[in-house]
Amino acid sequence: MNQFKISVVLLVLLISCGRFSNEEKKEEQTDRIVSAAKQYTEIMYALGVGDKLVAVDISSTYPPEVKELPTIGYHMHLSFEGIMATKPTLLLEHGGKFSIGPEALVDQLKKLQIPTKQFETKAVDIASTKQLIREMGIFFNATENVDSICKKLDNDMAIAQLERNKYSDTVKVIVIHYGQAMNIYMAVGADGTAGKMIEWAGGIIPLQKHGMERITSPEIIAKANPDVILLTDFGYDKLGSMEQILELPGIGLTNAAKNGKIYRVEEHDLIYFGPRTGENILKLQQLIHQ
């Protein structure tokens, strides 16, 4: 009888060891995702899977809790050591020419077979933004919030359109962005995300070009003569004072400078489409029409 009791105890212990062993394996297989794409980062948190992230690039600044994560450098100047220290199971990046760098790092990641992921949908308007949210929801098995996120985005956009109809003027706006990869200030062209958002807010960017242009001479800004100038947060904070901002080429000659309409904006509110785009347009309306 005693021998039978001992056998039962041993069997229970073996089963228990097996269960904890499986838990350890499960822990080892837990997703450890690194994001070098700020748009993906925000959408992950909106979907409720932000806890899968173990590190981000420094341009991922929304939501606020993302700032508690380790950073791996700027997306075009990533730290190989920083990435590997997180023991990633997946690296998210947008894909394309200006996605991640430098090239030597990309080669190293390939040699070590670190998996990377680029989602097929490129969010260039509201419809494709909702499609990206749905695609990511499926990928992360987090579809329960997708419909509510997309519905809120539609509702916010509808409100923004109604508000836009209240303004009779079209405000000329220049957006200045600090390029951390090249250590320069650049004027954002109308043909892009910021241009569309400014347009939806009741403004226009008077630089008809795609991408950004380095501010190399006063003529670029002075000729555009904007009513409002928006500086994204990193560049605004780097200058540190309005006096230094006015020293940027051409800025002091504009109506925006003369009328005191130079404002700081968060890069993550203006540089990509996401769940908060409708909210951000409403904020832009209040800013540029005041």
C-alpha atoms as a PDB file:
ATOM      1  CA  MET A   1       0.000   0.000   0.000  1.00  0.00           C
ATOM      2  CA  ASN A   2       2.794   2.375   0.868  1.00  0.00           C
ATOM      3  CA  GLN A   3       4.553   1.462  -2.360  1.00  0.00           C
ATOM      4  CA  PHE A   4       1.347   2.316  -4.279  1.00  0.00           C
ATOM      5  CA  LYS A   5       1.162   5.757  -2.573  1.00  0.00           C
ATOM      6  CA  ILE A   6       4.784   6.445  -3.455  1.00  0.00           C
ATOM      7  CA  SER A   7       4.104   5.556  -7.105  1.00  0.00           C
ATOM      8  CA  VAL A   8       1.137   7.932  -7.220  1.00  0.00           C
ATOM      9  CA  VAL A   9       3.209  10.761  -5.749  1.00  0.00           C
ATOM     10  CA  LEU A  10       5.988  10.171  -8.286  1.00  0.00           C
ATOM     11  CA  LEU A  11       3.454  10.156 -11.121  1.00  0.00           C
ATOM     12  CA  VAL A  12       1.984  13.460  -9.949  1.00  0.00           C
ATOM     13  CA  LEU A  13       5.465  14.986  -9.741  1.00  0.00           C
ATOM     14  CA  LEU A  14       6.319  13.824 -13.249  1.00  0.00           C
ATOM     15  CA  ILE A  15       3.093  15.285 -14.624  1.00  0.00           C
ATOM     16  CA  SER A  16       3.744  18.570 -12.800  1.00  0.00           C
ATOM     17  CA  CYS A  17       7.295  18.764 -14.153  1.00  0.00           C
ATOM     18  CA  GLY A  18       5.984  18.170 -17.635  1.00  0.00           C
ATOM     19  CA  ARG A  19       3.442  20.992 -17.318  1.00  0.00           C
ATOM     20  CA  PHE A  20       5.990  23.523 -16.068  1.00  0.00           C
ATOM     21  CA  SER A  21       8.388  22.402 -18.764  1.00  0.00           C
ATOM     22  CA  ASN A  22       5.747  23.164 -21.390  1.00  0.00           C
ATOM     23  CA  GLU A  23       5.169  26.569 -19.819  1.00  0.00           C
ATOM     24  CA  GLU A  24       8.883  27.305 -20.141  1.00  0.00           C
ATOM     25  CA  LYS A  25       8.794  26.339 -23.816  1.00  0.00           C
ATOM     26  CA  LYS A  26       5.741  28.525 -24.293  1.00  0.00           C
ATOM     27  CA  GLU A  27       7.578  31.424 -22.664  1.00  0.00           C
ATOM     28  CA  GLU A  28      10.519  30.886 -25.009  1.00  0.00           C
ATOM     29  CA  GLN A  29       8.166  31.038 -28.003  1.00  0.00           C
ATOM     30  CA  THR A  30       6.450  34.266 -26.894  1.00  0.00           C
ATOM     31  CA  ASP A  31       6.377  36.971 -29.572  1.00  0.00           C
ATOM     32  CA  ARG A  32       9.198  39.473 -29.199  1.00  0.00           C
ATOM     33  CA  ILE A  33       8.445  42.053 -31.850  1.00  0.00           C
ATOM     34  CA  VAL A  34      10.607  45.038 -32.715  1.00  0.00           C
ATOM     35  CA  SER A  35       8.975  47.844 -34.698  1.00  0.00           C
ATOM     36  CA  ALA A  36      10.909  50.173 -36.966  1.00  0.00           C
ATOM     37  CA  ALA A  37       7.640  51.588 -38.345  1.00  0.00           C
ATOM     38  CA  LYS A  38       5.806  54.203 -36.288  1.00  0.00           C
ATOM     39  CA  GLN A  39       2.518  53.681 -38.107  1.00  0.00           C
ATOM     40  CA  TYR A  40       2.569  49.943 -37.327  1.00  0.00           C
ATOM     41  CA  THR A  41       3.460  50.701 -33.715  1.00  0.00           C
ATOM     42  CA  GLU A  42       0.411  52.906 -33.160  1.00  0.00           C
ATOM     43  CA  ILE A  43      -1.940  50.451 -34.856  1.00  0.00           C
ATOM     44  CA  MET A  44      -0.628  47.579 -32.721  1.00  0.00           C
ATOM     45  CA  TYR A  45      -1.520  49.490 -29.552  1.00  0.00           C
ATOM     46  CA  ALA A  46      -4.942  50.375 -30.957  1.00  0.00           C
ATOM     47  CA  LEU A  47      -5.549  46.678 -31.640  1.00  0.00           C
ATOM     48  CA  GLY A  48      -4.538  45.810 -28.076  1.00  0.00           C
ATOM     49  CA  VAL A  49      -1.352  43.916 -28.964  1.00  0.00           C
ATOM     50  CA  GLY A  50       1.187  46.539 -27.940  1.00  0.00           C
ATOM     51  CA  ASP A  51       2.433  44.157 -25.253  1.00  0.00           C
ATOM     52  CA  LYS A  52       4.050  42.070 -27.997  1.00  0.00           C
ATOM     53  CA  LEU A  53       6.538  44.892 -28.638  1.00  0.00           C
ATOM     54  CA  VAL A  54       9.911  44.716 -26.906  1.00  0.00           C
ATOM     55  CA  ALA A  55      11.569  47.687 -28.658  1.00  0.00           C
ATOM     56  CA  VAL A  56      10.857  50.409 -31.232  1.00  0.00           C
ATOM     57  CA  ASP A  57      12.745  52.940 -33.309  1.00  0.00           C
ATOM     58  CA  ILE A  58      12.872  56.477 -31.908  1.00  0.00           C
ATOM     59  CA  SER A  59      10.236  57.825 -34.306  1.00  0.00           C
ATOM     60  CA  SER A  60       7.614  55.564 -32.685  1.00  0.00           C
ATOM     61  CA  THR A  61       6.259  58.015 -30.113  1.00  0.00           C
ATOM     62  CA  TYR A  62       2.560  57.201 -29.870  1.00  0.00           C
ATOM     63  CA  PRO A  63       0.852  56.184 -27.649  1.00  0.00           C
ATOM     64  CA  PRO A  64       2.728  57.639 -24.634  1.00  0.00           C
ATOM     65  CA  GLU A  65       3.432  54.220 -23.100  1.00  0.00           C
ATOM     66  CA  VAL A  66       5.564  53.279 -26.099  1.00  0.00           C
ATOM     67  CA  LYS A  67       8.207  55.673 -24.746  1.00  0.00           C
ATOM     68  CA  GLU A  68       8.845  53.203 -21.922  1.00  0.00           C
ATOM     69  CA  LEU A  69      10.230  50.656 -24.396  1.00  0.00           C
ATOM     70  CA  PRO A  70      13.913  50.413 -25.342  1.00  0.00           C
ATOM     71  CA  THR A  71      14.829  52.121 -28.615  1.00  0.00           C
ATOM     72  CA  ILE A  72      16.910  50.693 -31.454  1.00  0.00           C
ATOM     73  CA  GLY A  73      17.877  53.994 -33.081  1.00  0.00           C
ATOM     74  CA  TYR A  74      16.316  55.921 -35.953  1.00  0.00           C
ATOM     75  CA  HIS A  75      14.741  53.686 -38.602  1.00  0.00           C
ATOM     76  CA  MET A  76      17.335  54.650 -41.233  1.00  0.00           C
ATOM     77  CA  HIS A  77      20.192  54.373 -38.719  1.00  0.00           C
ATOM     78  CA  LEU A  78      19.264  51.358 -36.631  1.00  0.00           C
ATOM     79  CA  SER A  79      21.563  49.787 -34.064  1.00  0.00           C
ATOM     80  CA  PHE A  80      22.326  46.151 -34.854  1.00  0.00           C
ATOM     81  CA  GLU A  81      23.441  45.540 -31.268  1.00  0.00           C
ATOM     82  CA  GLY A  82      20.290  47.236 -29.974  1.00  0.00           C
ATOM     83  CA  ILE A  83      18.073  45.008 -32.093  1.00  0.00           C
ATOM     84  CA  MET A  84      19.876  41.781 -31.191  1.00  0.00           C
ATOM     85  CA  ALA A  85      19.829  42.614 -27.486  1.00  0.00           C
ATOM     86  CA  THR A  86      16.025  42.326 -27.559  1.00  0.00           C
ATOM     87  CA  LYS A  87      16.183  38.733 -28.926  1.00  0.00           C
ATOM     88  CA  PRO A  88      13.557  39.551 -31.563  1.00  0.00           C
ATOM     89  CA  THR A  89      11.278  36.991 -33.144  1.00  0.00           C
ATOM     90  CA  LEU A  90      10.134  39.547 -35.760  1.00  0.00           C
ATOM     91  CA  LEU A  91      11.139  42.985 -37.057  1.00  0.00           C
ATOM     92  CA  LEU A  92       8.392  45.173 -38.501  1.00  0.00           C
ATOM     93  CA  GLU A  93       9.353  47.641 -41.228  1.00  0.00           C
ATOM     94  CA  HIS A  94       7.486  49.475 -43.979  1.00  0.00           C
ATOM     95  CA  GLY A  95       9.527  48.153 -46.863  1.00  0.00           C
ATOM     96  CA  GLY A  96      10.846  50.294 -49.693  1.00  0.00           C
ATOM     97  CA  LYS A  97      13.864  52.529 -50.173  1.00  0.00           C
ATOM     98  CA  PHE A  98      13.520  54.562 -46.975  1.00  0.00           C
ATOM     99  CA  SER A  99      12.357  51.847 -44.629  1.00  0.00           C
ATOM    100  CA  ILE A 100      15.341  50.675 -42.579  1.00  0.00           C
ATOM    101  CA  GLY A 101      19.104  51.127 -42.729  1.00  0.00           C
ATOM    102  CA  PRO A 102      21.993  51.269 -43.001  1.00  0.00           C
ATOM    103  CA  GLU A 103      22.522  48.655 -45.728  1.00  0.00           C
ATOM    104  CA  ALA A 104      25.154  46.831 -43.676  1.00  0.00           C
ATOM    105  CA  LEU A 105      22.585  46.247 -40.932  1.00  0.00           C
ATOM    106  CA  VAL A 106      20.043  44.892 -43.424  1.00  0.00           C
ATOM    107  CA  ASP A 107      22.681  42.450 -44.704  1.00  0.00           C
ATOM    108  CA  GLN A 108      23.472  41.327 -41.155  1.00  0.00           C
ATOM    109  CA  LEU A 109      19.805  40.695 -40.399  1.00  0.00           C
ATOM    110  CA  LYS A 110      19.496  38.594 -43.549  1.00  0.00           C
ATOM    111  CA  LYS A 111      22.581  36.544 -42.704  1.00  0.00           C
ATOM    112  CA  LEU A 112      21.234  35.811 -39.235  1.00  0.00           C
ATOM    113  CA  GLN A 113      17.800  35.073 -40.721  1.00  0.00           C
ATOM    114  CA  ILE A 114      15.997  37.537 -38.468  1.00  0.00           C
ATOM    115  CA  PRO A 115      12.394  37.506 -39.803  1.00  0.00           C
ATOM    116  CA  THR A 116      11.058  40.835 -41.078  1.00  0.00           C
ATOM    117  CA  LYS A 117       7.495  41.770 -41.955  1.00  0.00           C
ATOM    118  CA  GLN A 118       6.009  44.398 -44.226  1.00  0.00           C
ATOM    119  CA  PHE A 119       2.250  44.520 -44.537  1.00  0.00           C
ATOM    120  CA  GLU A 120       0.896  44.541 -48.083  1.00  0.00           C
ATOM    121  CA  THR A 121      -1.484  47.474 -47.608  1.00  0.00           C
ATOM    122  CA  LYS A 122       0.078  50.925 -47.896  1.00  0.00           C
ATOM    123  CA  ALA A 123      -2.086  53.489 -46.107  1.00  0.00           C
ATOM    124  CA  VAL A 124      -2.324  56.428 -48.512  1.00  0.00           C
ATOM    125  CA  ASP A 125      -5.898  57.496 -47.733  1.00  0.00           C
ATOM    126  CA  ILE A 126      -8.683  56.655 -45.284  1.00  0.00           C
ATOM    127  CA  ALA A 127      -9.913  53.565 -47.154  1.00  0.00           C
ATOM    128  CA  SER A 128      -6.463  51.993 -47.325  1.00  0.00           C
ATOM    129  CA  THR A 129      -5.783  52.966 -43.696  1.00  0.00           C
ATOM    130  CA  LYS A 130      -8.815  50.942 -42.628  1.00  0.00           C
ATOM    131  CA  GLN A 131      -7.625  48.083 -44.827  1.00  0.00           C
ATOM    132  CA  LEU A 132      -4.198  48.151 -43.138  1.00  0.00           C
ATOM    133  CA  ILE A 133      -5.842  48.071 -39.710  1.00  0.00           C
ATOM    134  CA  ARG A 134      -7.867  45.022 -40.808  1.00  0.00           C
ATOM    135  CA  GLU A 135      -4.793  43.318 -42.271  1.00  0.00           C
ATOM    136  CA  MET A 136      -2.823  43.838 -39.074  1.00  0.00           C
ATOM    137  CA  GLY A 137      -5.777  42.699 -36.977  1.00  0.00           C
ATOM    138  CA  ILE A 138      -5.854  39.404 -38.857  1.00  0.00           C
ATOM    139  CA  PHE A 139      -2.081  38.961 -38.651  1.00  0.00           C
ATOM    140  CA  PHE A 140      -2.031  39.500 -34.881  1.00  0.00           C
ATOM    141  CA  ASN A 141      -5.245  37.534 -34.328  1.00  0.00           C
ATOM    142  CA  ALA A 142      -6.770  40.680 -32.821  1.00  0.00           C
ATOM    143  CA  THR A 143      -9.846  41.377 -34.934  1.00  0.00           C
ATOM    144  CA  GLU A 144     -12.257  42.090 -32.092  1.00  0.00           C
ATOM    145  CA  ASN A 145     -11.449  45.835 -32.044  1.00  0.00           C
ATOM    146  CA  VAL A 146     -11.070  46.372 -35.791  1.00  0.00           C
ATOM    147  CA  ASP A 147     -14.660  47.344 -36.566  1.00  0.00           C
ATOM    148  CA  SER A 148     -14.874  49.856 -33.706  1.00  0.00           C
ATOM    149  CA  ILE A 149     -11.529  51.433 -34.666  1.00  0.00           C
ATOM    150  CA  CYS A 150     -12.605  51.834 -38.293  1.00  0.00           C
ATOM    151  CA  LYS A 151     -16.045  53.134 -37.332  1.00  0.00           C
ATOM    152  CA  LYS A 152     -14.517  55.789 -35.065  1.00  0.00           C
ATOM    153  CA  LEU A 153     -12.141  56.829 -37.852  1.00  0.00           C
ATOM    154  CA  ASP A 154     -15.082  57.256 -40.245  1.00  0.00           C
ATOM    155  CA  ASN A 155     -17.061  59.235 -37.681  1.00  0.00           C
ATOM    156  CA  ASP A 156     -14.126  61.532 -36.916  1.00  0.00           C
ATOM    157  CA  MET A 157     -13.591  62.164 -40.628  1.00  0.00           C
ATOM    158  CA  ALA A 158     -17.274  63.010 -41.081  1.00  0.00           C
ATOM    159  CA  ILE A 159     -17.099  65.522 -38.223  1.00  0.00           C
ATOM    160  CA  ALA A 160     -13.924  67.029 -39.687  1.00  0.00           C
ATOM    161  CA  GLN A 161     -15.657  67.499 -43.035  1.00  0.00           C
ATOM    162  CA  LEU A 162     -18.577  69.283 -41.390  1.00  0.00           C
ATOM    163  CA  GLU A 163     -16.154  71.547 -39.533  1.00  0.00           C
ATOM    164  CA  ARG A 164     -14.230  72.234 -42.736  1.00  0.00           C
ATOM    165  CA  ASN A 165     -17.384  73.537 -44.376  1.00  0.00           C
ATOM    166  CA  LYS A 166     -17.565  76.286 -41.737  1.00  0.00           C
ATOM    167  CA  TYR A 167     -14.348  77.927 -43.000  1.00  0.00           C
ATOM    168  CA  SER A 168     -14.444  80.112 -46.087  1.00  0.00           C
ATOM    169  CA  ASP A 169     -10.693  80.683 -46.269  1.00  0.00           C
ATOM    170  CA  THR A 170      -7.914  78.363 -47.420  1.00  0.00           C
ATOM    171  CA  VAL A 171      -4.849  78.818 -45.245  1.00  0.00           C
ATOM    172  CA  LYS A 172      -1.363  78.522 -46.739  1.00  0.00           C
ATOM    173  CA  VAL A 173       0.620  76.200 -44.463  1.00  0.00           C
ATOM    174  CA  ILE A 174       4.260  75.151 -44.515  1.00  0.00           C
ATOM    175  CA  VAL A 175       5.264  72.051 -42.547  1.00  0.00           C
ATOM    176  CA  ILE A 176       8.925  71.884 -41.531  1.00  0.00           C
ATOM    177  CA  HIS A 177      10.299  68.530 -40.477  1.00  0.00           C
ATOM    178  CA  TYR A 178      13.696  67.780 -38.985  1.00  0.00           C
ATOM    179  CA  GLY A 179      15.345  64.873 -40.801  1.00  0.00           C
ATOM    180  CA  GLN A 180      17.255  63.025 -38.081  1.00  0.00           C
ATOM    181  CA  ALA A 181      18.955  60.738 -40.577  1.00  0.00           C
ATOM    182  CA  MET A 182      20.571  63.673 -42.428  1.00  0.00           C
ATOM    183  CA  ASN A 183      20.590  66.244 -39.606  1.00  0.00           C
ATOM    184  CA  ILE A 184      18.752  68.859 -41.688  1.00  0.00           C
ATOM    185  CA  TYR A 185      15.497  70.830 -41.712  1.00  0.00           C
ATOM    186  CA  MET A 186      13.174  70.075 -44.620  1.00  0.00           C
ATOM    187  CA  ALA A 187       9.972  71.564 -46.012  1.00  0.00           C
ATOM    188  CA  VAL A 188       7.241  68.991 -46.614  1.00  0.00           C
ATOM    189  CA  GLY A 189       5.684  68.877 -50.082  1.00  0.00           C
ATOM    190  CA  ALA A 190       1.955  68.953 -50.819  1.00  0.00           C
ATOM    191  CA  ASP A 191       1.939  65.529 -52.472  1.00  0.00           C
ATOM    192  CA  GLY A 192       1.962  63.324 -49.401  1.00  0.00           C
ATOM    193  CA  THR A 193       0.297  62.500 -46.084  1.00  0.00           C
ATOM    194  CA  ALA A 194       0.769  65.937 -44.501  1.00  0.00           C
ATOM    195  CA  GLY A 195      -0.490  67.633 -47.664  1.00  0.00           C
ATOM    196  CA  LYS A 196      -3.714  65.637 -47.631  1.00  0.00           C
ATOM    197  CA  MET A 197      -4.283  66.244 -43.932  1.00  0.00           C
ATOM    198  CA  ILE A 198      -3.707  69.983 -44.321  1.00  0.00           C
ATOM    199  CA  GLU A 199      -6.125  70.010 -47.251  1.00  0.00           C
ATOM    200  CA  TRP A 200      -8.797  68.167 -45.247  1.00  0.00           C
ATOM    201  CA  ALA A 201      -8.280  70.701 -42.466  1.00  0.00           C
ATOM    202  CA  GLY A 202      -8.936  73.618 -44.822  1.00  0.00           C
ATOM    203  CA  GLY A 203      -5.410  74.567 -45.779  1.00  0.00           C
ATOM    204  CA  ILE A 204      -2.938  74.104 -48.604  1.00  0.00           C
ATOM    205  CA  ILE A 205       0.791  73.450 -48.732  1.00  0.00           C
ATOM    206  CA  PRO A 206       2.159  75.783 -51.437  1.00  0.00           C
ATOM    207  CA  LEU A 207       5.026  73.462 -52.362  1.00  0.00           C
ATOM    208  CA  GLN A 208       3.822  71.271 -55.216  1.00  0.00           C
ATOM    209  CA  LYS A 209       6.173  68.353 -54.881  1.00  0.00           C
ATOM    210  CA  HIS A 210       6.381  64.873 -53.464  1.00  0.00           C
ATOM    211  CA  GLY A 211       8.416  64.175 -50.350  1.00  0.00           C
ATOM    212  CA  MET A 212      10.508  66.832 -48.660  1.00  0.00           C
ATOM    213  CA  GLU A 213      12.905  69.525 -49.795  1.00  0.00           C
ATOM    214  CA  ARG A 214      15.964  70.585 -47.870  1.00  0.00           C
ATOM    215  CA  ILE A 215      15.772  74.225 -46.797  1.00  0.00           C
ATOM    216  CA  THR A 216      18.960  75.447 -48.415  1.00  0.00           C
ATOM    217  CA  SER A 217      18.024  79.062 -49.160  1.00  0.00           C
ATOM    218  CA  PRO A 218      15.565  81.702 -47.897  1.00  0.00           C
ATOM    219  CA  GLU A 219      13.722  81.702 -51.245  1.00  0.00           C
ATOM    220  CA  ILE A 220      12.064  78.319 -50.700  1.00  0.00           C
ATOM    221  CA  ILE A 221      10.073  79.504 -47.689  1.00  0.00           C
ATOM    222  CA  ALA A 222       9.901  83.237 -48.418  1.00  0.00           C
ATOM    223  CA  LYS A 223       8.474  82.649 -51.900  1.00  0.00           C
ATOM    224  CA  ALA A 224       5.763  80.356 -50.503  1.00  0.00           C
ATOM    225  CA  ASN A 225       5.004  83.006 -47.840  1.00  0.00           C
ATOM    226  CA  PRO A 226       2.779  80.813 -45.654  1.00  0.00           C
ATOM    227  CA  ASP A 227       0.118  82.106 -43.291  1.00  0.00           C
ATOM    228  CA  VAL A 228       1.001  79.363 -40.802  1.00  0.00           C
ATOM    229  CA  ILE A 229       4.182  77.375 -40.186  1.00  0.00           C
ATOM    230  CA  LEU A 230       4.091  74.031 -38.393  1.00  0.00           C
ATOM    231  CA  LEU A 231       7.319  72.556 -36.999  1.00  0.00           C
ATOM    232  CA  THR A 232       7.311  68.901 -36.000  1.00  0.00           C
ATOM    233  CA  ASP A 233       8.209  68.275 -32.373  1.00  0.00           C
ATOM    234  CA  PHE A 234      11.816  67.045 -32.571  1.00  0.00           C
ATOM    235  CA  GLY A 235      12.979  69.927 -34.760  1.00  0.00           C
ATOM    236  CA  TYR A 236      11.027  72.523 -32.786  1.00  0.00           C
ATOM    237  CA  ASP A 237      12.455  71.310 -29.490  1.00  0.00           C
ATOM    238  CA  LYS A 238      15.967  71.069 -30.921  1.00  0.00           C
ATOM    239  CA  LEU A 239      15.939  74.773 -31.784  1.00  0.00           C
ATOM    240  CA  GLY A 240      14.654  75.578 -28.326  1.00  0.00           C
ATOM    241  CA  SER A 241      13.350  79.116 -28.813  1.00  0.00           C
ATOM    242  CA  MET A 242      11.359  81.249 -31.230  1.00  0.00           C
ATOM    243  CA  GLU A 243      14.443  83.401 -31.830  1.00  0.00           C
ATOM    244  CA  GLN A 244      16.327  80.398 -33.194  1.00  0.00           C
ATOM    245  CA  ILE A 245      13.334  79.252 -35.223  1.00  0.00           C
ATOM    246  CA  LEU A 246      13.218  82.648 -36.931  1.00  0.00           C
ATOM    247  CA  GLU A 247      16.857  82.171 -37.921  1.00  0.00           C
ATOM    248  CA  LEU A 248      15.944  79.277 -40.224  1.00  0.00           C
ATOM    249  CA  PRO A 249      16.321  80.413 -43.876  1.00  0.00           C
ATOM    250  CA  GLY A 250      13.371  82.512 -44.999  1.00  0.00           C
ATOM    251  CA  ILE A 251      11.189  81.967 -41.922  1.00  0.00           C
ATOM    252  CA  GLY A 252      11.419  85.518 -40.586  1.00  0.00           C
ATOM    253  CA  LEU A 253      10.204  86.969 -43.903  1.00  0.00           C
ATOM    254  CA  THR A 254       6.850  85.158 -43.897  1.00  0.00           C
ATOM    255  CA  ASN A 255       3.381  86.297 -42.884  1.00  0.00           C
ATOM    256  CA  ALA A 256       3.389  83.420 -40.392  1.00  0.00           C
ATOM    257  CA  ALA A 257       6.362  84.925 -38.572  1.00  0.00           C
ATOM    258  CA  LYS A 258       5.006  88.463 -38.718  1.00  0.00           C
ATOM    259  CA  ASN A 259       1.662  87.365 -37.263  1.00  0.00           C
ATOM    260  CA  GLY A 260       3.093  84.979 -34.680  1.00  0.00           C
ATOM    261  CA  LYS A 261       1.606  81.859 -36.286  1.00  0.00           C
ATOM    262  CA  ILE A 262       4.435  79.373 -35.921  1.00  0.00           C
ATOM    263  CA  TYR A 263       3.344  76.297 -34.013  1.00  0.00           C
ATOM    264  CA  ARG A 264       4.738  73.033 -32.687  1.00  0.00           C
ATOM    265  CA  VAL A 265       3.006  69.835 -33.801  1.00  0.00           C
ATOM    266  CA  GLU A 266       3.664  66.218 -32.909  1.00  0.00           C
ATOM    267  CA  GLU A 267       5.208  64.346 -35.807  1.00  0.00           C
ATOM    268  CA  HIS A 268       3.005  61.330 -35.102  1.00  0.00           C
ATOM    269  CA  ASP A 269      -0.095  63.502 -35.657  1.00  0.00           C
ATOM    270  CA  LEU A 270       0.863  64.573 -39.160  1.00  0.00           C
ATOM    271  CA  ILE A 271       3.312  62.252 -40.864  1.00  0.00           C
ATOM    272  CA  TYR A 272       1.253  59.073 -41.372  1.00  0.00           C
ATOM    273  CA  PHE A 273      -2.360  57.898 -41.524  1.00  0.00           C
ATOM    274  CA  GLY A 274      -3.688  55.866 -38.610  1.00  0.00           C
ATOM    275  CA  PRO A 275      -6.578  55.335 -36.192  1.00  0.00           C
ATOM    276  CA  ARG A 276      -6.413  58.966 -34.971  1.00  0.00           C
ATOM    277  CA  THR A 277      -6.272  60.702 -38.367  1.00  0.00           C
ATOM    278  CA  GLY A 278      -9.768  62.178 -38.007  1.00  0.00           C
ATOM    279  CA  GLU A 279      -8.928  63.473 -34.524  1.00  0.00           C
ATOM    280  CA  ASN A 280      -5.689  64.962 -35.824  1.00  0.00           C
ATOM    281  CA  ILE A 281      -7.444  66.800 -38.648  1.00  0.00           C
ATOM    282  CA  LEU A 282      -9.806  68.374 -36.133  1.00  0.00           C
ATOM    283  CA  LYS A 283      -6.791  69.546 -34.114  1.00  0.00           C
ATOM    284  CA  LEU A 284      -5.193  70.940 -37.267  1.00  0.00           C
ATOM    285  CA  GLN A 285      -8.363  72.884 -38.084  1.00  0.00           C
ATOM    286  CA  GLN A 286      -8.324  74.563 -34.708  1.00  0.00           C
ATOM    287  CA  LEU A 287      -4.624  75.345 -35.067  1.00  0.00           C
ATOM    288  CA  ILE A 288      -4.437  76.789 -38.567  1.00  0.00           C
ATOM    289  CA  HIS A 289      -7.725  78.707 -38.493  1.00  0.00           C
ATOM    290  CA  GLN A 290      -7.227  80.453 -35.140  1.00  0.00           C
END
